Protein backbone atom coordinates (compact mmCIF):
# COMPACT_ATOMS: atom_id res chain seq x y z
CA MET A 1 8.90 -26.99 -3.35
CA THR A 2 9.59 -23.87 -5.25
CA GLY A 3 7.90 -20.84 -5.60
CA PRO A 4 5.88 -18.70 -2.76
CA HIS A 5 3.89 -21.27 -0.42
CA PRO A 6 0.02 -21.94 -1.18
CA ILE A 7 -2.54 -20.11 1.04
CA ARG A 8 -3.25 -22.72 3.89
CA VAL A 9 -7.13 -22.67 4.13
CA LEU A 10 -9.18 -23.89 7.48
CA LEU A 11 -12.75 -24.70 6.34
CA VAL A 12 -15.42 -24.13 9.25
CA GLU A 13 -19.02 -25.26 8.07
CA ASP A 14 -21.37 -27.38 9.87
CA HIS A 15 -23.11 -28.78 6.66
CA ALA A 16 -20.64 -31.50 5.37
CA LEU A 17 -22.05 -31.23 1.78
CA PHE A 18 -21.40 -27.49 1.32
CA ARG A 19 -18.08 -27.85 2.96
CA ARG A 20 -16.76 -30.53 0.84
CA ALA A 21 -18.19 -28.79 -2.08
CA VAL A 22 -16.31 -25.68 -0.83
CA ALA A 23 -13.01 -27.93 -0.55
CA ARG A 24 -13.55 -29.05 -4.19
CA LEU A 25 -13.82 -25.59 -5.37
CA LEU A 26 -10.34 -24.46 -3.85
CA VAL A 27 -8.35 -27.43 -4.99
CA THR A 28 -8.73 -26.34 -8.50
CA GLU A 29 -6.66 -23.37 -7.80
CA PRO A 30 -3.08 -24.65 -7.36
CA ASP A 31 -2.24 -21.77 -4.68
CA PHE A 32 -4.69 -22.85 -2.30
CA GLU A 33 -4.07 -25.96 0.03
CA ILE A 34 -6.71 -27.25 2.63
CA VAL A 35 -5.16 -27.71 6.10
CA GLY A 36 -8.09 -28.35 8.26
CA GLU A 37 -11.96 -28.68 8.52
CA ALA A 38 -14.48 -27.73 11.22
CA GLY A 39 -18.18 -28.53 11.62
CA SER A 40 -18.81 -26.76 14.94
CA GLY A 41 -17.43 -23.39 17.03
CA PRO A 42 -15.52 -25.14 19.51
CA GLU A 43 -13.68 -27.51 16.68
CA ALA A 44 -12.63 -24.08 14.64
CA VAL A 45 -10.95 -23.01 17.60
CA GLN A 46 -9.06 -26.09 18.45
CA GLN A 47 -8.30 -26.52 14.21
CA ALA A 48 -7.24 -23.03 14.51
CA THR A 49 -4.65 -23.09 17.17
CA THR A 50 -3.29 -26.34 16.28
CA VAL A 51 -2.97 -25.71 12.10
CA ARG A 52 -2.55 -21.93 12.25
CA PRO A 53 -4.22 -21.40 8.91
CA ASP A 54 -3.32 -18.47 6.62
CA VAL A 55 -6.99 -17.79 6.07
CA ILE A 56 -9.91 -19.33 7.85
CA LEU A 57 -13.41 -19.36 6.16
CA MET A 58 -16.20 -19.18 9.05
CA ASP A 59 -19.67 -20.08 8.76
CA LEU A 60 -21.81 -17.92 11.13
CA ARG A 61 -24.07 -20.49 12.23
CA LEU A 62 -22.10 -23.53 13.81
CA PRO A 63 -23.27 -25.79 16.70
CA GLY A 64 -21.67 -25.48 20.20
CA MET A 65 -20.46 -22.20 19.28
CA ASP A 66 -21.83 -19.66 16.79
CA GLY A 67 -19.31 -18.23 14.13
CA LEU A 68 -19.24 -14.90 15.78
CA GLU A 69 -18.01 -16.26 19.20
CA ALA A 70 -15.32 -18.59 17.61
CA THR A 71 -14.24 -15.68 15.59
CA ARG A 72 -13.81 -13.48 18.89
CA ARG A 73 -11.96 -16.31 20.73
CA ILE A 74 -9.76 -17.06 17.83
CA LYS A 75 -8.60 -13.77 17.34
CA ALA A 76 -7.99 -13.47 21.25
CA ILE A 77 -5.75 -16.33 21.04
CA LEU A 78 -4.29 -15.61 17.20
CA PRO A 79 -4.48 -11.64 16.96
CA ASP A 80 -3.43 -12.13 13.26
CA ALA A 81 -5.83 -14.83 12.12
CA ARG A 82 -7.35 -13.77 8.92
CA ILE A 83 -10.88 -14.82 8.88
CA VAL A 84 -13.50 -14.44 6.25
CA ILE A 85 -17.03 -14.83 7.06
CA LEU A 86 -18.61 -17.33 4.73
CA THR A 87 -22.87 -17.13 5.20
CA ALA A 88 -26.13 -17.62 3.46
CA SER A 89 -27.32 -14.96 5.73
CA ASP A 90 -27.35 -11.18 4.46
CA ALA A 91 -28.57 -9.66 7.93
CA ASP A 92 -26.80 -6.86 8.35
CA ASP A 93 -26.50 -6.50 12.22
CA THR A 94 -24.58 -10.14 12.04
CA LEU A 95 -22.28 -8.95 9.05
CA PHE A 96 -21.65 -5.94 10.99
CA GLU A 97 -20.75 -7.79 14.30
CA ALA A 98 -18.37 -10.14 12.43
CA ILE A 99 -16.79 -7.05 11.11
CA ARG A 100 -16.39 -5.54 14.96
CA SER A 101 -15.32 -9.05 16.00
CA GLY A 102 -12.25 -9.11 13.97
CA ALA A 103 -13.27 -10.66 10.65
CA GLN A 104 -11.53 -9.38 7.63
CA GLY A 105 -13.89 -9.72 5.23
CA TYR A 106 -17.49 -11.68 4.45
CA LEU A 107 -18.76 -13.57 1.72
CA LEU A 108 -22.45 -14.64 0.63
CA LYS A 109 -22.48 -18.22 0.04
CA GLU A 110 -24.19 -17.58 -3.67
CA VAL A 111 -20.96 -15.77 -4.80
CA ASP A 112 -19.60 -16.45 -7.61
CA ALA A 113 -16.14 -18.46 -8.23
CA GLU A 114 -14.06 -15.62 -9.15
CA THR A 115 -15.17 -13.22 -6.19
CA PHE A 116 -14.74 -15.98 -4.08
CA PHE A 117 -10.94 -16.69 -5.23
CA ARG A 118 -10.02 -12.82 -5.28
CA THR A 119 -11.57 -12.22 -1.51
CA VAL A 120 -9.69 -15.21 0.07
CA ARG A 121 -6.20 -14.23 -1.81
CA ALA A 122 -6.61 -10.28 -0.69
CA VAL A 123 -7.37 -11.40 2.95
CA ALA A 124 -4.49 -13.69 2.64
CA ARG A 125 -2.25 -10.89 1.64
CA GLY A 126 -3.45 -9.01 4.63
CA GLU A 127 -6.18 -7.07 3.09
CA ALA A 128 -9.83 -6.85 4.88
CA TYR A 129 -11.90 -7.14 2.02
CA LEU A 130 -15.60 -6.58 1.24
CA PRO A 131 -16.33 -7.72 -2.00
CA GLY A 132 -19.39 -6.61 -4.59
CA PRO A 133 -21.99 -4.60 -4.70
CA GLN A 134 -22.94 -5.30 -0.87
CA ALA A 135 -19.52 -3.19 0.33
CA ALA A 136 -20.97 0.74 -0.11
CA LYS A 137 -23.93 -0.93 1.91
CA VAL A 138 -21.78 -2.28 5.03
CA LEU A 139 -19.59 0.29 5.15
CA SER A 140 -22.52 2.79 5.17
CA GLU A 141 -24.43 1.02 7.69
CA PHE A 142 -21.48 0.11 9.75
CA ALA A 143 -20.89 3.43 10.11
CA ARG A 144 -24.34 4.36 11.48
CA SER A 145 -24.10 1.63 13.97
CA GLY A 146 -23.59 1.88 17.62
CA GLY A 147 -20.56 2.20 19.65
CA GLN A 148 -18.39 5.24 20.74
CA ASP A 149 -18.50 8.11 18.28
CA PRO A 150 -15.09 9.36 17.04
CA ARG A 151 -16.13 12.49 16.47
CA ASP A 152 -15.90 12.68 20.34
CA SER A 153 -11.97 12.10 20.06
CA PRO A 154 -9.40 14.35 19.08
CA ARG A 155 -8.61 13.34 15.19
CA PRO A 156 -5.38 11.88 14.52
CA ARG A 157 -3.39 13.69 11.96
CA LEU A 158 -2.83 11.91 9.02
CA SER A 159 -0.46 13.09 5.84
CA PRO A 160 -2.27 14.37 2.60
CA ARG A 161 -1.16 11.31 0.67
CA GLU A 162 -2.57 9.17 4.00
CA GLU A 163 -5.81 10.67 3.54
CA GLU A 164 -5.69 10.07 -0.10
CA VAL A 165 -4.94 6.35 0.64
CA LEU A 166 -8.30 6.38 3.10
CA GLY A 167 -10.07 8.15 0.70
CA LEU A 168 -9.54 5.34 -1.72
CA VAL A 169 -9.95 2.37 0.83
CA VAL A 170 -13.81 3.82 1.32
CA GLN A 171 -14.12 3.58 -2.35
CA GLY A 172 -13.43 -0.09 -1.93
CA LYS A 173 -10.19 0.00 -4.09
CA SER A 174 -8.04 -2.96 -3.39
CA ASN A 175 -3.88 -2.23 -2.84
CA LYS A 176 -3.48 -3.09 -6.29
CA GLU A 177 -5.71 -0.64 -7.40
CA ILE A 178 -4.68 2.18 -5.25
CA ALA A 179 -1.30 1.74 -6.21
CA ALA A 180 -2.24 2.47 -9.67
CA THR A 181 -4.40 5.24 -8.90
CA ILE A 182 -1.48 7.16 -7.26
CA SER A 183 1.41 5.80 -8.89
CA VAL A 184 3.64 4.25 -6.34
CA ALA A 185 4.33 0.53 -5.79
CA GLU A 186 1.84 -2.05 -4.13
CA ASN A 187 4.41 -2.36 -1.06
CA THR A 188 4.40 1.57 -0.83
CA VAL A 189 0.56 1.43 -0.60
CA LYS A 190 1.04 -1.15 1.98
CA ASN A 191 3.16 0.82 4.33
CA TYR A 192 0.67 3.83 3.96
CA LEU A 193 -2.04 1.74 5.15
CA LYS A 194 0.19 0.18 8.02
CA ASN A 195 0.81 3.98 9.23
CA ILE A 196 -2.97 4.85 8.46
CA LEU A 197 -4.04 1.66 11.27
CA GLU A 198 -1.42 2.45 13.79
CA LYS A 199 -2.29 6.05 13.89
CA LEU A 200 -5.98 5.56 14.03
CA ARG A 201 -5.42 2.69 16.61
CA LEU A 202 -7.39 0.27 14.37
CA GLU A 203 -7.31 -3.37 13.01
CA ASN A 204 -8.12 -3.61 9.57
CA ARG A 205 -8.92 -1.38 6.11
CA VAL A 206 -12.38 -2.04 7.07
CA GLN A 207 -12.67 -0.32 10.42
CA ALA A 208 -10.57 2.22 9.04
CA ALA A 209 -13.17 2.84 6.29
CA THR A 210 -15.95 2.95 8.87
CA TYR A 211 -13.77 5.41 11.18
CA ALA A 212 -13.58 7.87 7.57
CA LEU A 213 -17.43 7.79 7.18
CA GLN A 214 -18.34 8.28 10.86
CA THR A 215 -15.90 11.33 11.39
CA GLY A 216 -17.19 12.61 7.90
CA LEU A 217 -13.78 12.94 6.41
CA PHE A 218 -15.42 11.41 3.38
CA PRO A 219 -18.73 11.09 2.14
CA LYS A 220 -20.30 7.83 2.30
CA PRO A 221 -20.25 6.08 -1.09
CA PRO A 222 -23.49 5.72 -3.16
CA GLU A 223 -25.76 2.64 -2.39
CA GLN A 224 -25.60 0.09 -5.17
CA ASN A 225 -28.33 -2.42 -5.77
CA SER A 226 -27.57 -6.07 -5.42
């Protein structure tokens, strides 16, 4: 095979009809490959550790073990696993807990195909991605949710450029968009983000944006209507 390898996807969904529909959608694009399917939480954990996919599409409501617990167990075994929650539920508390559990993004099942592909590709590249008008709401609400207040701890020192990049992350911009905004290469943006996450001791850009909102480093983005 020539060129970059396809994005290897594990589908986790207990409704076989919907799972088949997502699989058929993915295979219409040449850069995706379905490497496994699971219909329960325990099966998702087993499949993830066996096939080690690039991206896991995880439903929340699963028999045997829900998607949140499956996400936590997979991340405990495979810390670098990239997981996108795919759900019919827009319940804020569940979605925020999914992000805390280590998911890099989420999608509602009603999402359009373009946003679906964009999100999976972004997560495969290592970006945590919250697409669409829900992004500002999720960041804002997640920043107000429980847990230790980072304002009670000394703030790590970020360089002016790192603060600029973090501000663009808060706005929901992708690596490519950030690179265009500050006129640098996309790999340079990745390096800035790596440094930011290391300094803040966080796992992904969603958590970094949440930190920035909680500490008041940047104002909350305006709410958008769905």
